[in-house]
Amino acid sequence: MSEKLPENKIENMDSGIEIIENLTDNALSEISTIENEVATEDFKALEDLDLKATIEKPGAITVVIKNKEKNIFGFVIALPNDEVYEELHSDDPDFISDPSRLYVYDIAIGNKNRSLANFINLTKALIKEARARNFKILSMHTRTSEGLSSILQKRYHAKKLRTLDDWQGYKEPFDYLEMEI
């Protein structure tokens, strides 16, 4: 990333960023609520058991953003590429199993709190934690329809390596991006 973001600045002062070290039932419930809130007919929510298993995988990084009442309103879950290789390789044959790469597996911000500032705060915290754990690359499959791929490429110089026309049956294109961290 060429643009350095202040690692301790939280743009919405009513919120806080936290790395989930030990998943509580309450945190899982709040994450699940957000997952279900942003789900659509084409983008189904992960079930609670799948969310729990993903968050508790070895090497997983889960970052949450909370409001002033300490309720979670957004999250990002990232896993080492080698932890998701078997799941993703059949849909993206060029996806590689590399333990120095961290894959953004799931990200969601509740509808009434969705903003670029909240997205940036989650991303900054994820990158800071990823660096601390010696990851070198942040990778992701990103929808092109909402403009996130374009933002990541322009603002953070993420490299688009390919576009998949129908990523995992979602019937829309996704870009595969990598960012040096």
C-alpha atoms as a PDB file:
ATOM      1  CA  MET A   1       0.000   0.000   0.000  1.00  0.00           C
ATOM      2  CA  SER A   2       1.474   3.302  -0.940  1.00  0.00           C
ATOM      3  CA  GLU A   3      -0.946   5.445   1.093  1.00  0.00           C
ATOM      4  CA  LYS A   4      -0.120   5.042   4.760  1.00  0.00           C
ATOM      5  CA  LEU A   5      -3.104   5.259   7.046  1.00  0.00           C
ATOM      6  CA  PRO A   6      -2.703   6.365  10.664  1.00  0.00           C
ATOM      7  CA  GLU A   7      -2.920   3.104  12.575  1.00  0.00           C
ATOM      8  CA  ASN A   8      -4.562   4.552  15.670  1.00  0.00           C
ATOM      9  CA  LYS A   9      -7.046   6.989  14.127  1.00  0.00           C
ATOM     10  CA  ILE A  10     -10.692   5.993  14.302  1.00  0.00           C
ATOM     11  CA  GLU A  11     -12.691   8.339  12.130  1.00  0.00           C
ATOM     12  CA  ASN A  12     -16.044   7.737  13.831  1.00  0.00           C
ATOM     13  CA  MET A  13     -15.270   8.548  17.462  1.00  0.00           C
ATOM     14  CA  ASP A  14     -18.434   6.780  18.637  1.00  0.00           C
ATOM     15  CA  SER A  15     -16.998   3.456  17.515  1.00  0.00           C
ATOM     16  CA  GLY A  16     -14.167   1.191  18.520  1.00  0.00           C
ATOM     17  CA  ILE A  17     -12.139  -1.468  16.790  1.00  0.00           C
ATOM     18  CA  GLU A  18     -11.393  -4.795  18.426  1.00  0.00           C
ATOM     19  CA  ILE A  19      -9.612  -7.989  17.411  1.00  0.00           C
ATOM     20  CA  ILE A  20     -11.663 -10.999  18.526  1.00  0.00           C
ATOM     21  CA  GLU A  21      -9.289 -13.305  20.405  1.00  0.00           C
ATOM     22  CA  ASN A  22     -11.899 -15.496  22.112  1.00  0.00           C
ATOM     23  CA  LEU A  23     -15.282 -15.677  20.455  1.00  0.00           C
ATOM     24  CA  THR A  24     -18.134 -15.224  22.918  1.00  0.00           C
ATOM     25  CA  ASP A  25     -21.714 -16.293  22.269  1.00  0.00           C
ATOM     26  CA  ASN A  26     -22.735 -12.618  22.310  1.00  0.00           C
ATOM     27  CA  ALA A  27     -20.105 -11.624  19.720  1.00  0.00           C
ATOM     28  CA  LEU A  28     -21.126 -14.557  17.508  1.00  0.00           C
ATOM     29  CA  SER A  29     -24.774 -13.509  17.806  1.00  0.00           C
ATOM     30  CA  GLU A  30     -23.994  -9.897  16.851  1.00  0.00           C
ATOM     31  CA  ILE A  31     -21.793 -10.976  13.907  1.00  0.00           C
ATOM     32  CA  SER A  32     -24.510 -13.374  12.759  1.00  0.00           C
ATOM     33  CA  THR A  33     -27.129 -10.624  12.969  1.00  0.00           C
ATOM     34  CA  ILE A  34     -25.050  -8.403  10.687  1.00  0.00           C
ATOM     35  CA  GLU A  35     -24.358 -11.299   8.326  1.00  0.00           C
ATOM     36  CA  ASN A  36     -28.103 -11.924   8.018  1.00  0.00           C
ATOM     37  CA  GLU A  37     -28.937  -8.218   7.694  1.00  0.00           C
ATOM     38  CA  VAL A  38     -26.708  -7.755   4.640  1.00  0.00           C
ATOM     39  CA  ALA A  39     -27.568 -11.103   3.032  1.00  0.00           C
ATOM     40  CA  THR A  40     -29.533 -11.106  -0.196  1.00  0.00           C
ATOM     41  CA  GLU A  41     -31.224 -13.760  -2.262  1.00  0.00           C
ATOM     42  CA  ASP A  42     -27.993 -14.210  -4.220  1.00  0.00           C
ATOM     43  CA  PHE A  43     -25.613 -13.728  -1.273  1.00  0.00           C
ATOM     44  CA  LYS A  44     -26.729 -16.074   1.457  1.00  0.00           C
ATOM     45  CA  ALA A  45     -25.596 -15.537   5.041  1.00  0.00           C
ATOM     46  CA  LEU A  46     -23.203 -17.984   6.619  1.00  0.00           C
ATOM     47  CA  GLU A  47     -24.921 -20.121   9.232  1.00  0.00           C
ATOM     48  CA  ASP A  48     -23.895 -19.598  12.874  1.00  0.00           C
ATOM     49  CA  LEU A  49     -21.978 -22.879  13.018  1.00  0.00           C
ATOM     50  CA  ASP A  50     -20.068 -21.982   9.836  1.00  0.00           C
ATOM     51  CA  LEU A  51     -19.303 -18.485  11.166  1.00  0.00           C
ATOM     52  CA  LYS A  52     -18.064 -19.939  14.449  1.00  0.00           C
ATOM     53  CA  ALA A  53     -15.923 -22.561  12.711  1.00  0.00           C
ATOM     54  CA  THR A  54     -14.438 -19.937  10.367  1.00  0.00           C
ATOM     55  CA  ILE A  55     -13.617 -17.472  13.150  1.00  0.00           C
ATOM     56  CA  GLU A  56     -12.010 -20.252  15.197  1.00  0.00           C
ATOM     57  CA  LYS A  57      -9.831 -21.656  12.365  1.00  0.00           C
ATOM     58  CA  PRO A  58      -6.083 -21.606  12.985  1.00  0.00           C
ATOM     59  CA  GLY A  59      -4.593 -18.275  11.953  1.00  0.00           C
ATOM     60  CA  ALA A  60      -7.967 -16.537  11.534  1.00  0.00           C
ATOM     61  CA  ILE A  61      -8.130 -12.813  12.179  1.00  0.00           C
ATOM     62  CA  THR A  62     -11.516 -11.345  13.078  1.00  0.00           C
ATOM     63  CA  VAL A  63     -11.829  -7.595  13.473  1.00  0.00           C
ATOM     64  CA  VAL A  64     -15.043  -5.977  14.692  1.00  0.00           C
ATOM     65  CA  ILE A  65     -16.158  -2.381  14.873  1.00  0.00           C
ATOM     66  CA  LYS A  66     -18.451  -1.326  17.724  1.00  0.00           C
ATOM     67  CA  ASN A  67     -20.669   1.641  18.449  1.00  0.00           C
ATOM     68  CA  LYS A  68     -20.560   3.673  21.660  1.00  0.00           C
ATOM     69  CA  GLU A  69     -22.906   1.142  23.303  1.00  0.00           C
ATOM     70  CA  LYS A  70     -20.251  -1.528  22.561  1.00  0.00           C
ATOM     71  CA  ASN A  71     -22.472  -3.342  20.046  1.00  0.00           C
ATOM     72  CA  ILE A  72     -20.799  -4.806  16.977  1.00  0.00           C
ATOM     73  CA  PHE A  73     -22.003  -3.218  13.739  1.00  0.00           C
ATOM     74  CA  GLY A  74     -19.347  -4.464  11.331  1.00  0.00           C
ATOM     75  CA  PHE A  75     -16.701  -7.142  10.973  1.00  0.00           C
ATOM     76  CA  VAL A  76     -14.064  -8.665   8.746  1.00  0.00           C
ATOM     77  CA  ILE A  77     -12.875 -12.257   8.937  1.00  0.00           C
ATOM     78  CA  ALA A  78      -9.603 -13.176   7.237  1.00  0.00           C
ATOM     79  CA  LEU A  79      -7.847 -16.523   6.949  1.00  0.00           C
ATOM     80  CA  PRO A  80      -4.439 -17.620   5.687  1.00  0.00           C
ATOM     81  CA  ASN A  81      -4.692 -18.577   2.005  1.00  0.00           C
ATOM     82  CA  ASP A  82      -3.589 -22.119   2.815  1.00  0.00           C
ATOM     83  CA  GLU A  83      -6.564 -22.479   5.199  1.00  0.00           C
ATOM     84  CA  VAL A  84      -9.092 -21.702   2.421  1.00  0.00           C
ATOM     85  CA  TYR A  85      -7.235 -23.197  -0.543  1.00  0.00           C
ATOM     86  CA  GLU A  86      -9.285 -26.402  -0.738  1.00  0.00           C
ATOM     87  CA  GLU A  87     -12.544 -24.464  -0.552  1.00  0.00           C
ATOM     88  CA  LEU A  88     -11.641 -21.852  -3.194  1.00  0.00           C
ATOM     89  CA  HIS A  89      -9.298 -23.551  -5.649  1.00  0.00           C
ATOM     90  CA  SER A  90     -12.029 -25.316  -7.624  1.00  0.00           C
ATOM     91  CA  ASP A  91     -13.777 -21.961  -8.266  1.00  0.00           C
ATOM     92  CA  ASP A  92     -10.486 -20.133  -8.949  1.00  0.00           C
ATOM     93  CA  PRO A  93      -7.841 -22.527 -10.305  1.00  0.00           C
ATOM     94  CA  ASP A  94      -5.179 -19.780 -10.082  1.00  0.00           C
ATOM     95  CA  PHE A  95      -5.707 -19.331  -6.327  1.00  0.00           C
ATOM     96  CA  ILE A  96      -2.549 -20.431  -4.537  1.00  0.00           C
ATOM     97  CA  SER A  97      -1.925 -21.992  -1.159  1.00  0.00           C
ATOM     98  CA  ASP A  98       0.555 -19.611   0.435  1.00  0.00           C
ATOM     99  CA  PRO A  99       0.725 -19.198   4.221  1.00  0.00           C
ATOM    100  CA  SER A 100       2.230 -15.687   3.857  1.00  0.00           C
ATOM    101  CA  ARG A 101      -1.000 -14.454   2.222  1.00  0.00           C
ATOM    102  CA  LEU A 102      -4.103 -13.544   4.191  1.00  0.00           C
ATOM    103  CA  TYR A 103      -7.482 -13.947   2.471  1.00  0.00           C
ATOM    104  CA  VAL A 104     -10.445 -11.677   3.265  1.00  0.00           C
ATOM    105  CA  TYR A 105     -13.098 -14.342   3.725  1.00  0.00           C
ATOM    106  CA  ASP A 106     -16.066 -12.281   4.882  1.00  0.00           C
ATOM    107  CA  ILE A 107     -16.700  -8.619   5.495  1.00  0.00           C
ATOM    108  CA  ALA A 108     -19.948  -6.900   6.415  1.00  0.00           C
ATOM    109  CA  ILE A 109     -21.084  -3.622   7.892  1.00  0.00           C
ATOM    110  CA  GLY A 110     -24.674  -3.161   8.998  1.00  0.00           C
ATOM    111  CA  ASN A 111     -26.803  -1.184   6.568  1.00  0.00           C
ATOM    112  CA  LYS A 112     -27.268   1.926   8.738  1.00  0.00           C
ATOM    113  CA  ASN A 113     -23.531   2.124   9.527  1.00  0.00           C
ATOM    114  CA  ARG A 114     -22.193   1.363   6.073  1.00  0.00           C
ATOM    115  CA  SER A 115     -19.628   4.023   5.179  1.00  0.00           C
ATOM    116  CA  LEU A 116     -16.202   4.350   3.649  1.00  0.00           C
ATOM    117  CA  ALA A 117     -14.821   5.515   7.018  1.00  0.00           C
ATOM    118  CA  ASN A 118     -16.024   2.357   8.781  1.00  0.00           C
ATOM    119  CA  PHE A 119     -14.682   0.173   5.976  1.00  0.00           C
ATOM    120  CA  ILE A 120     -11.310   1.941   6.174  1.00  0.00           C
ATOM    121  CA  ASN A 121     -11.180   1.527   9.957  1.00  0.00           C
ATOM    122  CA  LEU A 122     -11.820  -2.220   9.674  1.00  0.00           C
ATOM    123  CA  THR A 123      -9.246  -2.512   6.887  1.00  0.00           C
ATOM    124  CA  LYS A 124      -6.594  -0.549   8.804  1.00  0.00           C
ATOM    125  CA  ALA A 125      -7.034  -2.757  11.861  1.00  0.00           C
ATOM    126  CA  LEU A 126      -6.890  -5.923   9.739  1.00  0.00           C
ATOM    127  CA  ILE A 127      -3.697  -4.774   8.023  1.00  0.00           C
ATOM    128  CA  LYS A 128      -2.081  -3.821  11.335  1.00  0.00           C
ATOM    129  CA  GLU A 129      -2.865  -7.249  12.811  1.00  0.00           C
ATOM    130  CA  ALA A 130      -1.801  -9.036   9.616  1.00  0.00           C
ATOM    131  CA  ARG A 131       1.562  -7.253   9.695  1.00  0.00           C
ATOM    132  CA  ALA A 132       2.009  -8.204  13.353  1.00  0.00           C
ATOM    133  CA  ARG A 133       1.465 -11.835  12.347  1.00  0.00           C
ATOM    134  CA  ASN A 134       3.977 -11.529   9.474  1.00  0.00           C
ATOM    135  CA  PHE A 135       1.575 -11.805   6.554  1.00  0.00           C
ATOM    136  CA  LYS A 136       2.934 -10.178   3.391  1.00  0.00           C
ATOM    137  CA  ILE A 137      -0.088 -10.054   1.056  1.00  0.00           C
ATOM    138  CA  LEU A 138      -3.798  -9.411   1.603  1.00  0.00           C
ATOM    139  CA  SER A 139      -5.899 -11.242  -0.998  1.00  0.00           C
ATOM    140  CA  MET A 140      -9.613 -11.212  -1.755  1.00  0.00           C
ATOM    141  CA  HIS A 141     -12.346 -11.898  -4.293  1.00  0.00           C
ATOM    142  CA  THR A 142     -14.294  -8.650  -4.550  1.00  0.00           C
ATOM    143  CA  ARG A 143     -17.612  -7.792  -6.167  1.00  0.00           C
ATOM    144  CA  THR A 144     -17.225  -5.382  -9.041  1.00  0.00           C
ATOM    145  CA  SER A 145     -20.852  -4.183  -8.974  1.00  0.00           C
ATOM    146  CA  GLU A 146     -20.563  -2.168  -5.740  1.00  0.00           C
ATOM    147  CA  GLY A 147     -17.318  -0.440  -6.758  1.00  0.00           C
ATOM    148  CA  LEU A 148     -15.229  -1.872  -3.908  1.00  0.00           C
ATOM    149  CA  SER A 149     -12.734  -3.444  -6.296  1.00  0.00           C
ATOM    150  CA  SER A 150     -12.228  -0.119  -8.017  1.00  0.00           C
ATOM    151  CA  ILE A 151     -11.782   1.736  -4.704  1.00  0.00           C
ATOM    152  CA  LEU A 152      -9.195  -0.751  -3.481  1.00  0.00           C
ATOM    153  CA  GLN A 153      -7.281  -0.516  -6.749  1.00  0.00           C
ATOM    154  CA  LYS A 154      -7.295   3.285  -6.868  1.00  0.00           C
ATOM    155  CA  ARG A 155      -6.846   4.146  -3.201  1.00  0.00           C
ATOM    156  CA  TYR A 156      -4.597   1.309  -2.040  1.00  0.00           C
ATOM    157  CA  HIS A 157      -3.021   0.184  -5.299  1.00  0.00           C
ATOM    158  CA  ALA A 158      -4.426  -3.310  -4.959  1.00  0.00           C
ATOM    159  CA  LYS A 159      -3.483  -5.341  -7.993  1.00  0.00           C
ATOM    160  CA  LYS A 160      -6.306  -6.913  -9.965  1.00  0.00           C
ATOM    161  CA  LEU A 161      -4.929 -10.241 -11.145  1.00  0.00           C
ATOM    162  CA  ARG A 162      -8.082 -11.565 -12.796  1.00  0.00           C
ATOM    163  CA  THR A 163     -11.848 -11.286 -13.082  1.00  0.00           C
ATOM    164  CA  LEU A 164     -14.067 -14.312 -12.537  1.00  0.00           C
ATOM    165  CA  ASP A 165     -17.349 -13.910 -14.402  1.00  0.00           C
ATOM    166  CA  ASP A 166     -19.476 -16.042 -12.078  1.00  0.00           C
ATOM    167  CA  TRP A 167     -17.629 -16.359  -8.769  1.00  0.00           C
ATOM    168  CA  GLN A 168     -19.067 -19.241  -6.757  1.00  0.00           C
ATOM    169  CA  GLY A 169     -22.405 -19.104  -8.569  1.00  0.00           C
ATOM    170  CA  TYR A 170     -23.228 -15.507  -7.570  1.00  0.00           C
ATOM    171  CA  LYS A 171     -24.052 -14.704 -11.211  1.00  0.00           C
ATOM    172  CA  GLU A 172     -21.880 -11.591 -11.266  1.00  0.00           C
ATOM    173  CA  PRO A 173     -18.202 -10.827 -11.801  1.00  0.00           C
ATOM    174  CA  PHE A 174     -15.681 -10.678  -8.972  1.00  0.00           C
ATOM    175  CA  ASP A 175     -12.108  -9.430  -9.206  1.00  0.00           C
ATOM    176  CA  TYR A 176      -9.308 -11.272  -7.494  1.00  0.00           C
ATOM    177  CA  LEU A 177      -7.120  -8.635  -5.830  1.00  0.00           C
ATOM    178  CA  GLU A 178      -3.851  -8.715  -3.942  1.00  0.00           C
ATOM    179  CA  MET A 179      -2.364  -5.928  -1.827  1.00  0.00           C
ATOM    180  CA  GLU A 180       1.094  -5.849  -0.345  1.00  0.00           C
ATOM    181  CA  ILE A 181       0.931  -5.099   3.338  1.00  0.00           C
END
